[in-house]
Amino acid sequence: MGLEEKLPSGFLLSTVEEVAGYARKGSLWPASFGLACCAIEMMSTASGRYDIARFGMEPFRGSPRQADLMIVAGRVSQKMAPVLRQIYDQMAEPKWVLAMGVCASSGGMFNNYAIVQGVDHVVPVDIYLPGCPPRPEMLLNAIIALHEKIAKMPLGANREDAVAAAEQAALSSPTLMESRGLLR
């Protein structure tokens, strides 16, 4: 006989981690970082046709201090990479990054010295969204996948150390271009 059977009806049992995960996933505030054609698809997702407000993400924030999700949409140049990192560092903790489009994920067709070959060289990426440019439905699907990842994140006393270790591991891992079998 479990605890649920001994309690009267109307009680809801959960853990603090599940409640915090539910609250965090329902209150993402994105900082748009639109750099190329993927930004048009990102803006159309935030428009009236696609109801992004049901995910708690209606207002795109202009200030990084008010945002906890960075959507990098488009190619990142070498000159823009330090600005991107500075905005990421100014964002509130916990923070997440979504690389939207093939240019943000791996540099796309721009294999030259001026374009960063994947935004994962600059900031740790949580979700990669393929496509050139990806459709708004694909962005909504990536947001749902990110919500599932956020809801399962644990809480704890050593959270800052765990976040720093995860960021260091993500930045030191091989990028998409360095992986074997891709684009070779």
Protein backbone atom coordinates (compact mmCIF):
# COMPACT_ATOMS: atom_id res chain seq x y z
CA MET A 1 0.00 0.00 0.00
CA GLY A 2 1.53 3.27 -1.14
CA LEU A 3 1.38 6.74 0.33
CA GLU A 4 -1.08 7.83 -2.34
CA GLU A 5 -3.70 5.40 -1.07
CA LYS A 6 -3.46 6.65 2.53
CA LEU A 7 -3.98 10.32 1.64
CA PRO A 8 -7.44 11.73 1.05
CA SER A 9 -8.39 12.66 -2.50
CA GLY A 10 -7.31 16.04 -3.78
CA PHE A 11 -3.67 15.85 -2.66
CA LEU A 12 -0.93 16.18 -5.21
CA LEU A 13 2.46 14.61 -4.49
CA SER A 14 5.61 15.86 -6.15
CA THR A 15 9.20 16.75 -5.44
CA VAL A 16 10.75 20.20 -5.19
CA GLU A 17 12.86 19.47 -8.29
CA GLU A 18 9.78 18.65 -10.35
CA VAL A 19 7.97 21.81 -9.22
CA ALA A 20 11.03 23.97 -9.90
CA GLY A 21 11.51 22.32 -13.31
CA TYR A 22 7.87 22.93 -14.18
CA ALA A 23 8.16 26.59 -13.17
CA ARG A 24 11.44 27.11 -15.05
CA LYS A 25 10.24 25.52 -18.27
CA GLY A 26 7.09 27.61 -18.26
CA SER A 27 8.82 30.94 -17.85
CA LEU A 28 11.59 31.09 -20.45
CA TRP A 29 12.37 34.59 -21.64
CA PRO A 30 14.32 34.50 -24.90
CA ALA A 31 16.94 36.97 -26.02
CA SER A 32 16.84 37.08 -29.77
CA PHE A 33 20.19 37.11 -31.49
CA GLY A 34 19.13 37.21 -35.13
CA LEU A 35 22.04 37.50 -37.52
CA ALA A 36 20.77 36.28 -40.90
CA CYS A 37 17.82 34.71 -42.72
CA CYS A 38 16.97 32.40 -39.79
CA ALA A 39 16.00 35.50 -37.83
CA ILE A 40 13.03 36.03 -40.16
CA GLU A 41 11.72 32.56 -39.32
CA MET A 42 12.32 33.25 -35.62
CA MET A 43 10.35 36.49 -35.87
CA SER A 44 7.52 34.75 -37.70
CA THR A 45 7.36 32.20 -34.88
CA ALA A 46 6.94 35.01 -32.37
CA SER A 47 4.24 36.67 -34.49
CA GLY A 48 0.53 36.07 -34.07
CA ARG A 49 0.19 33.01 -36.29
CA TYR A 50 2.22 30.70 -34.08
CA ASP A 51 1.16 30.89 -30.46
CA ILE A 52 4.52 30.98 -28.70
CA ALA A 53 2.87 32.57 -25.65
CA ARG A 54 1.55 29.14 -24.61
CA PHE A 55 5.16 28.27 -23.75
CA GLY A 56 5.61 31.38 -21.61
CA MET A 57 7.88 32.97 -24.21
CA GLU A 58 5.80 35.74 -25.73
CA PRO A 59 8.06 38.73 -25.13
CA PHE A 60 11.52 38.59 -26.70
CA ARG A 61 13.87 40.48 -24.44
CA GLY A 62 16.20 43.17 -25.67
CA SER A 63 18.34 43.08 -22.55
CA PRO A 64 20.38 39.98 -21.71
CA ARG A 65 19.85 40.58 -18.00
CA GLN A 66 16.15 39.87 -18.48
CA ALA A 67 16.64 36.73 -20.57
CA ASP A 68 17.56 33.13 -19.87
CA LEU A 69 17.34 31.62 -23.38
CA MET A 70 19.53 32.79 -26.25
CA ILE A 71 18.31 31.83 -29.71
CA VAL A 72 21.27 32.27 -32.06
CA ALA A 73 19.67 32.50 -35.51
CA GLY A 74 22.11 32.71 -38.40
CA ARG A 75 25.81 32.80 -39.10
CA VAL A 76 28.21 34.18 -36.50
CA SER A 77 31.16 36.18 -37.82
CA GLN A 78 34.52 36.37 -36.07
CA LYS A 79 33.79 40.01 -35.18
CA MET A 80 30.39 39.11 -33.70
CA ALA A 81 31.67 36.17 -31.58
CA PRO A 82 33.02 38.31 -28.67
CA VAL A 83 29.73 40.25 -28.57
CA LEU A 84 27.78 36.99 -28.49
CA ARG A 85 29.91 35.71 -25.61
CA GLN A 86 29.53 38.98 -23.71
CA ILE A 87 25.74 38.84 -24.04
CA TYR A 88 25.78 35.19 -22.93
CA ASP A 89 27.86 36.09 -19.86
CA GLN A 90 25.39 38.87 -18.94
CA MET A 91 22.38 36.54 -19.03
CA ALA A 92 20.77 35.35 -15.81
CA GLU A 93 21.43 31.86 -14.43
CA PRO A 94 20.26 29.27 -15.34
CA LYS A 95 20.64 30.00 -19.04
CA TRP A 96 20.28 28.00 -22.22
CA VAL A 97 21.33 28.39 -25.85
CA LEU A 98 19.47 27.23 -28.95
CA ALA A 99 21.48 27.20 -32.21
CA MET A 100 18.93 27.87 -34.95
CA GLY A 101 19.87 26.90 -38.47
CA VAL A 102 22.77 25.16 -40.10
CA CYS A 103 24.93 28.30 -40.10
CA ALA A 104 24.71 28.68 -36.33
CA SER A 105 25.21 24.94 -35.81
CA SER A 106 28.19 24.30 -38.09
CA GLY A 107 28.97 27.38 -40.16
CA GLY A 108 26.78 26.16 -43.02
CA MET A 109 28.02 26.78 -46.52
CA PHE A 110 30.35 29.53 -45.32
CA ASN A 111 33.59 27.61 -44.81
CA ASN A 112 35.94 30.58 -44.64
CA TYR A 113 37.98 32.56 -42.14
CA ALA A 114 35.31 35.19 -41.47
CA ILE A 115 32.57 32.87 -40.16
CA VAL A 116 32.74 30.90 -36.90
CA GLN A 117 32.28 27.24 -37.80
CA GLY A 118 29.58 26.62 -35.24
CA VAL A 119 28.42 28.75 -32.35
CA ASP A 120 29.54 25.96 -30.00
CA HIS A 121 33.05 27.40 -30.35
CA VAL A 122 31.83 30.48 -28.47
CA VAL A 123 29.05 29.39 -26.08
CA PRO A 124 27.78 25.98 -24.94
CA VAL A 125 24.76 24.93 -26.99
CA ASP A 126 21.86 23.00 -25.46
CA ILE A 127 19.71 22.38 -28.56
CA TYR A 128 20.75 22.28 -32.21
CA LEU A 129 18.01 23.10 -34.72
CA PRO A 130 18.87 22.02 -38.30
CA GLY A 131 17.57 23.56 -41.47
CA CYS A 132 18.29 26.37 -43.87
CA PRO A 133 16.26 28.19 -42.63
CA PRO A 134 14.27 26.04 -40.22
CA ARG A 135 10.51 26.43 -40.28
CA PRO A 136 8.65 27.96 -37.32
CA GLU A 137 7.17 24.55 -36.54
CA MET A 138 10.71 23.19 -36.17
CA LEU A 139 11.56 26.00 -33.74
CA LEU A 140 8.47 25.18 -31.68
CA ASN A 141 9.55 21.52 -31.62
CA ALA A 142 13.04 22.52 -30.46
CA ILE A 143 11.50 24.67 -27.72
CA ILE A 144 9.44 21.69 -26.55
CA ALA A 145 12.60 19.53 -26.51
CA LEU A 146 14.36 22.23 -24.49
CA HIS A 147 11.42 22.32 -22.07
CA GLU A 148 11.82 18.58 -21.49
CA LYS A 149 15.52 19.07 -20.83
CA ILE A 150 14.88 21.94 -18.41
CA ALA A 151 12.19 20.02 -16.52
CA LYS A 152 14.65 17.19 -15.82
CA MET A 153 17.50 19.39 -14.56
CA PRO A 154 18.35 18.60 -10.94
CA LEU A 155 18.73 21.10 -8.14
CA GLY A 156 21.41 20.95 -5.49
CA ALA A 157 24.02 22.62 -3.33
CA ASN A 158 26.76 22.19 -5.93
CA ARG A 159 24.68 23.51 -8.84
CA GLU A 160 27.16 26.25 -9.78
CA ASP A 161 30.01 23.73 -9.95
CA ALA A 162 27.89 21.36 -12.03
CA VAL A 163 26.89 24.16 -14.43
CA ALA A 164 30.51 25.32 -14.78
CA ALA A 165 31.69 21.75 -15.38
CA ALA A 166 28.96 21.19 -17.98
CA GLU A 167 29.87 24.44 -19.74
CA GLN A 168 33.57 23.57 -19.76
CA ALA A 169 32.82 20.08 -21.08
CA ALA A 170 30.60 21.52 -23.81
CA LEU A 171 33.21 24.06 -24.89
CA SER A 172 36.06 21.53 -24.86
CA SER A 173 34.15 18.81 -26.72
CA PRO A 174 34.74 18.44 -30.46
CA THR A 175 32.51 20.66 -32.55
CA LEU A 176 30.28 19.43 -35.34
CA MET A 177 32.92 20.28 -37.96
CA GLU A 178 35.61 18.35 -36.08
CA SER A 179 33.50 15.22 -35.71
CA ARG A 180 34.43 12.33 -37.95
CA GLY A 181 32.19 11.59 -40.88
CA LEU A 182 30.58 15.01 -41.21
CA LEU A 183 31.24 16.98 -44.37
CA ARG A 184 34.13 14.75 -45.42
